[in-house]
Amino acid sequence: MDNLTLFLLLGILPAILIGGISLAMVHTLTKKQIRREEIQLKRELGELARKDLIPIRLQAYERMALFMHRMSAAELIGRTQSSKMTASTLKKALITTMRAEFEHNITQQIYLSRTAWETIYAYQQSLRQVIEQCSTDLDPNAPGFELGKRILAFYIENDQNVITTEQVITRLQVEVKHMFDV
């Protein structure tokens, strides 16, 4: 029995060894193949995501360009002001309209660069400060068109010192062009 056990061990041991090595090789090769397929899938998904994301990002930039046009002092005043408004009423209406427009477009920041969004936000804050500043020494019961005139005059006199809608829109245009530079 000793010889038989020795004979079986010598016969089975190489088979077990070869089987183990074969199994390890198959496992390693399978792992490498799976990794290659994962990399390829990620690459394909990345390309698909970029293809799908570009139109969405373009739409966001378009919407924010429209937002900036609507937020220009002249456009905002023209859309908001009515002949019966007082300066106080116009001020409140301008700020309410700005807030509503901004909140309506706030989700677009997901698709814009941080710089673009910060520029838009800075303009919105700047316009609000201009409205506040121009209404400070104006009688609240003065005609609303007086406040409107002051705001427009401020932008004409200080166009070098304040953020303008044109500057923000130019920033958006540069970023859109940059999206297509490869």
C-alpha atoms as a PDB file:
ATOM      1  CA  MET A   1       0.000   0.000   0.000  1.00  0.00           C
ATOM      2  CA  ASP A   2       2.898   2.246   0.571  1.00  0.00           C
ATOM      3  CA  ASN A   3       3.973   1.824  -3.026  1.00  0.00           C
ATOM      4  CA  LEU A   4       0.426   2.353  -4.222  1.00  0.00           C
ATOM      5  CA  THR A   5       0.045   5.583  -2.232  1.00  0.00           C
ATOM      6  CA  LEU A   6       3.394   6.790  -3.509  1.00  0.00           C
ATOM      7  CA  PHE A   7       2.429   5.844  -7.055  1.00  0.00           C
ATOM      8  CA  LEU A   8      -0.924   7.686  -6.778  1.00  0.00           C
ATOM      9  CA  LEU A   9       0.721  10.773  -5.279  1.00  0.00           C
ATOM     10  CA  LEU A  10       3.349  10.860  -8.031  1.00  0.00           C
ATOM     11  CA  GLY A  11       0.631  10.472 -10.671  1.00  0.00           C
ATOM     12  CA  ILE A  12      -1.943  12.828  -9.213  1.00  0.00           C
ATOM     13  CA  LEU A  13       0.391  15.560  -7.923  1.00  0.00           C
ATOM     14  CA  PRO A  14       1.594  16.658 -11.386  1.00  0.00           C
ATOM     15  CA  ALA A  15      -2.004  16.650 -12.649  1.00  0.00           C
ATOM     16  CA  ILE A  16      -3.113  18.819  -9.711  1.00  0.00           C
ATOM     17  CA  LEU A  17      -0.124  21.114 -10.240  1.00  0.00           C
ATOM     18  CA  ILE A  18      -0.800  21.470 -13.983  1.00  0.00           C
ATOM     19  CA  GLY A  19      -4.505  21.995 -13.300  1.00  0.00           C
ATOM     20  CA  GLY A  20      -3.756  24.726 -10.734  1.00  0.00           C
ATOM     21  CA  ILE A  21      -1.345  26.513 -13.063  1.00  0.00           C
ATOM     22  CA  SER A  22      -3.841  26.290 -15.918  1.00  0.00           C
ATOM     23  CA  LEU A  23      -6.606  27.663 -13.714  1.00  0.00           C
ATOM     24  CA  ALA A  24      -4.394  30.568 -12.591  1.00  0.00           C
ATOM     25  CA  MET A  25      -3.485  31.392 -16.198  1.00  0.00           C
ATOM     26  CA  VAL A  26      -7.133  31.297 -17.310  1.00  0.00           C
ATOM     27  CA  HIS A  27      -8.077  33.514 -14.368  1.00  0.00           C
ATOM     28  CA  THR A  28      -5.327  36.048 -15.201  1.00  0.00           C
ATOM     29  CA  LEU A  29      -6.191  36.114 -18.906  1.00  0.00           C
ATOM     30  CA  THR A  30      -9.883  36.476 -18.159  1.00  0.00           C
ATOM     31  CA  LYS A  31      -9.186  39.341 -15.755  1.00  0.00           C
ATOM     32  CA  LYS A  32      -7.083  41.127 -18.379  1.00  0.00           C
ATOM     33  CA  GLN A  33      -9.776  40.648 -21.020  1.00  0.00           C
ATOM     34  CA  ILE A  34     -12.459  41.982 -18.691  1.00  0.00           C
ATOM     35  CA  ARG A  35     -10.276  45.016 -17.887  1.00  0.00           C
ATOM     36  CA  ARG A  36      -9.720  45.709 -21.611  1.00  0.00           C
ATOM     37  CA  GLU A  37     -13.454  45.479 -22.233  1.00  0.00           C
ATOM     38  CA  GLU A  38     -14.160  47.827 -19.297  1.00  0.00           C
ATOM     39  CA  ILE A  39     -11.680  50.380 -20.653  1.00  0.00           C
ATOM     40  CA  GLN A  40     -13.220  50.144 -24.125  1.00  0.00           C
ATOM     41  CA  LEU A  41     -16.729  50.506 -22.701  1.00  0.00           C
ATOM     42  CA  LYS A  42     -15.700  53.555 -20.641  1.00  0.00           C
ATOM     43  CA  ARG A  43     -14.123  55.100 -23.741  1.00  0.00           C
ATOM     44  CA  GLU A  44     -17.274  54.480 -25.796  1.00  0.00           C
ATOM     45  CA  LEU A  45     -19.527  55.817 -23.020  1.00  0.00           C
ATOM     46  CA  GLY A  46     -17.291  58.883 -22.671  1.00  0.00           C
ATOM     47  CA  GLU A  47     -17.588  59.589 -26.391  1.00  0.00           C
ATOM     48  CA  LEU A  48     -21.361  59.117 -26.237  1.00  0.00           C
ATOM     49  CA  ALA A  49     -21.617  61.364 -23.201  1.00  0.00           C
ATOM     50  CA  ARG A  50     -19.589  64.076 -24.941  1.00  0.00           C
ATOM     51  CA  LYS A  51     -21.757  63.786 -28.051  1.00  0.00           C
ATOM     52  CA  ASP A  52     -24.913  64.061 -25.942  1.00  0.00           C
ATOM     53  CA  LEU A  53     -23.504  66.699 -23.610  1.00  0.00           C
ATOM     54  CA  ILE A  54     -22.324  69.165 -26.252  1.00  0.00           C
ATOM     55  CA  PRO A  55     -25.844  70.026 -27.483  1.00  0.00           C
ATOM     56  CA  ILE A  56     -27.046  70.407 -23.891  1.00  0.00           C
ATOM     57  CA  ARG A  57     -24.107  72.656 -23.016  1.00  0.00           C
ATOM     58  CA  LEU A  58     -24.663  74.721 -26.158  1.00  0.00           C
ATOM     59  CA  GLN A  59     -28.295  75.146 -25.212  1.00  0.00           C
ATOM     60  CA  ALA A  60     -27.257  76.299 -21.735  1.00  0.00           C
ATOM     61  CA  TYR A  61     -24.877  78.878 -23.196  1.00  0.00           C
ATOM     62  CA  GLU A  62     -27.626  80.050 -25.569  1.00  0.00           C
ATOM     63  CA  ARG A  63     -30.088  80.377 -22.705  1.00  0.00           C
ATOM     64  CA  MET A  64     -27.614  82.343 -20.648  1.00  0.00           C
ATOM     65  CA  ALA A  65     -26.848  84.657 -23.585  1.00  0.00           C
ATOM     66  CA  LEU A  66     -30.600  85.299 -23.846  1.00  0.00           C
ATOM     67  CA  PHE A  67     -30.744  85.778 -20.076  1.00  0.00           C
ATOM     68  CA  MET A  68     -27.959  88.350 -20.290  1.00  0.00           C
ATOM     69  CA  HIS A  69     -29.763  90.175 -23.074  1.00  0.00           C
ATOM     70  CA  ARG A  70     -32.924  90.249 -20.961  1.00  0.00           C
ATOM     71  CA  MET A  71     -30.909  91.456 -17.955  1.00  0.00           C
ATOM     72  CA  SER A  72     -29.289  94.397 -19.725  1.00  0.00           C
ATOM     73  CA  ALA A  73     -30.379  97.549 -17.938  1.00  0.00           C
ATOM     74  CA  ALA A  74     -32.183  98.968 -20.996  1.00  0.00           C
ATOM     75  CA  GLU A  75     -34.072  95.726 -21.726  1.00  0.00           C
ATOM     76  CA  LEU A  76     -34.972  95.121 -18.103  1.00  0.00           C
ATOM     77  CA  ILE A  77     -36.259  98.650 -17.603  1.00  0.00           C
ATOM     78  CA  GLY A  78     -38.120  98.623 -20.926  1.00  0.00           C
ATOM     79  CA  ARG A  79     -39.909  95.363 -20.084  1.00  0.00           C
ATOM     80  CA  THR A  80     -40.659  96.232 -16.472  1.00  0.00           C
ATOM     81  CA  GLN A  81     -41.467  99.943 -16.372  1.00  0.00           C
ATOM     82  CA  SER A  82     -44.960 101.305 -16.878  1.00  0.00           C
ATOM     83  CA  SER A  83     -45.981 104.950 -16.970  1.00  0.00           C
ATOM     84  CA  LYS A  84     -47.847 104.825 -13.650  1.00  0.00           C
ATOM     85  CA  MET A  85     -44.988 103.360 -11.601  1.00  0.00           C
ATOM     86  CA  THR A  86     -43.214 105.280  -8.893  1.00  0.00           C
ATOM     87  CA  ALA A  87     -39.473 105.014  -8.372  1.00  0.00           C
ATOM     88  CA  SER A  88     -40.061 102.729  -5.390  1.00  0.00           C
ATOM     89  CA  THR A  89     -42.440 100.483  -7.332  1.00  0.00           C
ATOM     90  CA  LEU A  90     -40.055 100.299 -10.295  1.00  0.00           C
ATOM     91  CA  LYS A  91     -37.144  99.429  -8.029  1.00  0.00           C
ATOM     92  CA  LYS A  92     -39.105  96.557  -6.477  1.00  0.00           C
ATOM     93  CA  ALA A  93     -40.342  95.371  -9.875  1.00  0.00           C
ATOM     94  CA  LEU A  94     -36.819  95.431 -11.363  1.00  0.00           C
ATOM     95  CA  ILE A  95     -35.358  93.433  -8.489  1.00  0.00           C
ATOM     96  CA  THR A  96     -38.276  90.973  -8.509  1.00  0.00           C
ATOM     97  CA  THR A  97     -37.961  90.472 -12.262  1.00  0.00           C
ATOM     98  CA  MET A  98     -34.196  89.963 -11.973  1.00  0.00           C
ATOM     99  CA  ARG A  99     -34.637  87.416  -9.199  1.00  0.00           C
ATOM    100  CA  ALA A 100     -37.307  85.501 -11.126  1.00  0.00           C
ATOM    101  CA  GLU A 101     -35.223  85.426 -14.327  1.00  0.00           C
ATOM    102  CA  PHE A 102     -32.143  84.327 -12.392  1.00  0.00           C
ATOM    103  CA  GLU A 103     -33.989  81.586 -10.523  1.00  0.00           C
ATOM    104  CA  HIS A 104     -35.525  80.377 -13.781  1.00  0.00           C
ATOM    105  CA  ASN A 105     -32.034  79.900 -15.246  1.00  0.00           C
ATOM    106  CA  ILE A 106     -30.114  78.798 -12.152  1.00  0.00           C
ATOM    107  CA  THR A 107     -29.882  75.152 -13.225  1.00  0.00           C
ATOM    108  CA  GLN A 108     -27.879  76.156 -16.286  1.00  0.00           C
ATOM    109  CA  GLN A 109     -24.813  76.553 -14.071  1.00  0.00           C
ATOM    110  CA  ILE A 110     -24.395  72.785 -14.232  1.00  0.00           C
ATOM    111  CA  TYR A 111     -23.421  73.031 -17.897  1.00  0.00           C
ATOM    112  CA  LEU A 112     -21.404  76.276 -17.794  1.00  0.00           C
ATOM    113  CA  SER A 113     -17.843  76.715 -16.696  1.00  0.00           C
ATOM    114  CA  ARG A 114     -17.337  78.052 -13.219  1.00  0.00           C
ATOM    115  CA  THR A 115     -15.866  81.259 -14.650  1.00  0.00           C
ATOM    116  CA  ALA A 116     -18.859  81.832 -16.927  1.00  0.00           C
ATOM    117  CA  TRP A 117     -21.329  81.271 -14.111  1.00  0.00           C
ATOM    118  CA  GLU A 118     -19.402  83.511 -11.702  1.00  0.00           C
ATOM    119  CA  THR A 119     -19.311  86.249 -14.356  1.00  0.00           C
ATOM    120  CA  ILE A 120     -23.083  86.011 -14.862  1.00  0.00           C
ATOM    121  CA  TYR A 121     -23.674  86.044 -11.124  1.00  0.00           C
ATOM    122  CA  ALA A 122     -21.335  89.026 -10.655  1.00  0.00           C
ATOM    123  CA  TYR A 123     -23.210  90.959 -13.352  1.00  0.00           C
ATOM    124  CA  GLN A 124     -26.552  90.212 -11.733  1.00  0.00           C
ATOM    125  CA  GLN A 125     -25.256  91.364  -8.342  1.00  0.00           C
ATOM    126  CA  SER A 126     -23.699  94.458  -9.910  1.00  0.00           C
ATOM    127  CA  LEU A 127     -26.976  95.420 -11.613  1.00  0.00           C
ATOM    128  CA  ARG A 128     -28.817  95.019  -8.347  1.00  0.00           C
ATOM    129  CA  GLN A 129     -26.316  97.322  -6.624  1.00  0.00           C
ATOM    130  CA  VAL A 130     -26.667  99.896  -9.414  1.00  0.00           C
ATOM    131  CA  ILE A 131     -30.463  99.839  -9.002  1.00  0.00           C
ATOM    132  CA  GLU A 132     -30.086 100.260  -5.235  1.00  0.00           C
ATOM    133  CA  GLN A 133     -27.499 103.031  -5.631  1.00  0.00           C
ATOM    134  CA  CYS A 134     -29.519 104.965  -8.213  1.00  0.00           C
ATOM    135  CA  SER A 135     -32.629 104.859  -6.030  1.00  0.00           C
ATOM    136  CA  THR A 136     -30.883 105.888  -2.820  1.00  0.00           C
ATOM    137  CA  ASP A 137     -31.346 109.668  -3.013  1.00  0.00           C
ATOM    138  CA  LEU A 138     -34.442 109.578  -5.217  1.00  0.00           C
ATOM    139  CA  ASP A 139     -37.844 110.326  -3.719  1.00  0.00           C
ATOM    140  CA  PRO A 140     -39.681 106.961  -3.540  1.00  0.00           C
ATOM    141  CA  ASN A 141     -42.785 108.643  -4.986  1.00  0.00           C
ATOM    142  CA  ALA A 142     -40.915 110.168  -7.926  1.00  0.00           C
ATOM    143  CA  PRO A 143     -42.001 108.894 -11.330  1.00  0.00           C
ATOM    144  CA  GLY A 144     -40.483 105.498 -12.171  1.00  0.00           C
ATOM    145  CA  PHE A 145     -38.988 106.812 -15.392  1.00  0.00           C
ATOM    146  CA  GLU A 146     -36.655 108.987 -13.250  1.00  0.00           C
ATOM    147  CA  LEU A 147     -35.130 105.872 -11.715  1.00  0.00           C
ATOM    148  CA  GLY A 148     -34.917 104.271 -15.148  1.00  0.00           C
ATOM    149  CA  LYS A 149     -33.105 107.346 -16.523  1.00  0.00           C
ATOM    150  CA  ARG A 150     -30.668 107.304 -13.607  1.00  0.00           C
ATOM    151  CA  ILE A 151     -29.831 103.636 -14.097  1.00  0.00           C
ATOM    152  CA  LEU A 152     -29.234 104.064 -17.830  1.00  0.00           C
ATOM    153  CA  ALA A 153     -27.187 107.225 -17.239  1.00  0.00           C
ATOM    154  CA  PHE A 154     -25.083 105.350 -14.685  1.00  0.00           C
ATOM    155  CA  TYR A 155     -24.211 102.674 -17.254  1.00  0.00           C
ATOM    156  CA  ILE A 156     -23.415 105.272 -19.921  1.00  0.00           C
ATOM    157  CA  GLU A 157     -21.161 107.252 -17.565  1.00  0.00           C
ATOM    158  CA  ASN A 158     -19.475 104.229 -15.946  1.00  0.00           C
ATOM    159  CA  ASP A 159     -19.259 101.666 -18.748  1.00  0.00           C
ATOM    160  CA  GLN A 160     -15.524 101.215 -18.144  1.00  0.00           C
ATOM    161  CA  ASN A 161     -15.962 100.577 -14.414  1.00  0.00           C
ATOM    162  CA  VAL A 162     -18.839  98.099 -14.301  1.00  0.00           C
ATOM    163  CA  ILE A 163     -19.526  94.669 -15.738  1.00  0.00           C
ATOM    164  CA  THR A 164     -21.655  94.994 -18.846  1.00  0.00           C
ATOM    165  CA  THR A 165     -23.898  92.471 -20.533  1.00  0.00           C
ATOM    166  CA  GLU A 166     -21.706  92.732 -23.620  1.00  0.00           C
ATOM    167  CA  GLN A 167     -18.673  91.621 -21.605  1.00  0.00           C
ATOM    168  CA  VAL A 168     -20.545  88.653 -20.187  1.00  0.00           C
ATOM    169  CA  ILE A 169     -21.948  87.620 -23.567  1.00  0.00           C
ATOM    170  CA  THR A 170     -18.452  87.899 -25.083  1.00  0.00           C
ATOM    171  CA  ARG A 171     -17.179  85.612 -22.304  1.00  0.00           C
ATOM    172  CA  LEU A 172     -19.898  83.087 -23.155  1.00  0.00           C
ATOM    173  CA  GLN A 173     -19.024  83.263 -26.861  1.00  0.00           C
ATOM    174  CA  VAL A 174     -15.338  82.651 -26.142  1.00  0.00           C
ATOM    175  CA  GLU A 175     -16.188  79.584 -24.077  1.00  0.00           C
ATOM    176  CA  VAL A 176     -18.467  78.173 -26.771  1.00  0.00           C
ATOM    177  CA  LYS A 177     -15.718  78.618 -29.348  1.00  0.00           C
ATOM    178  CA  HIS A 178     -13.285  76.945 -26.953  1.00  0.00           C
ATOM    179  CA  MET A 179     -15.576  73.889 -26.705  1.00  0.00           C
ATOM    180  CA  PHE A 180     -14.923  73.193 -30.368  1.00  0.00           C
ATOM    181  CA  ASP A 181     -11.169  73.817 -30.285  1.00  0.00           C
ATOM    182  CA  VAL A 182      -9.502  70.451 -30.104  1.00  0.00           C
END
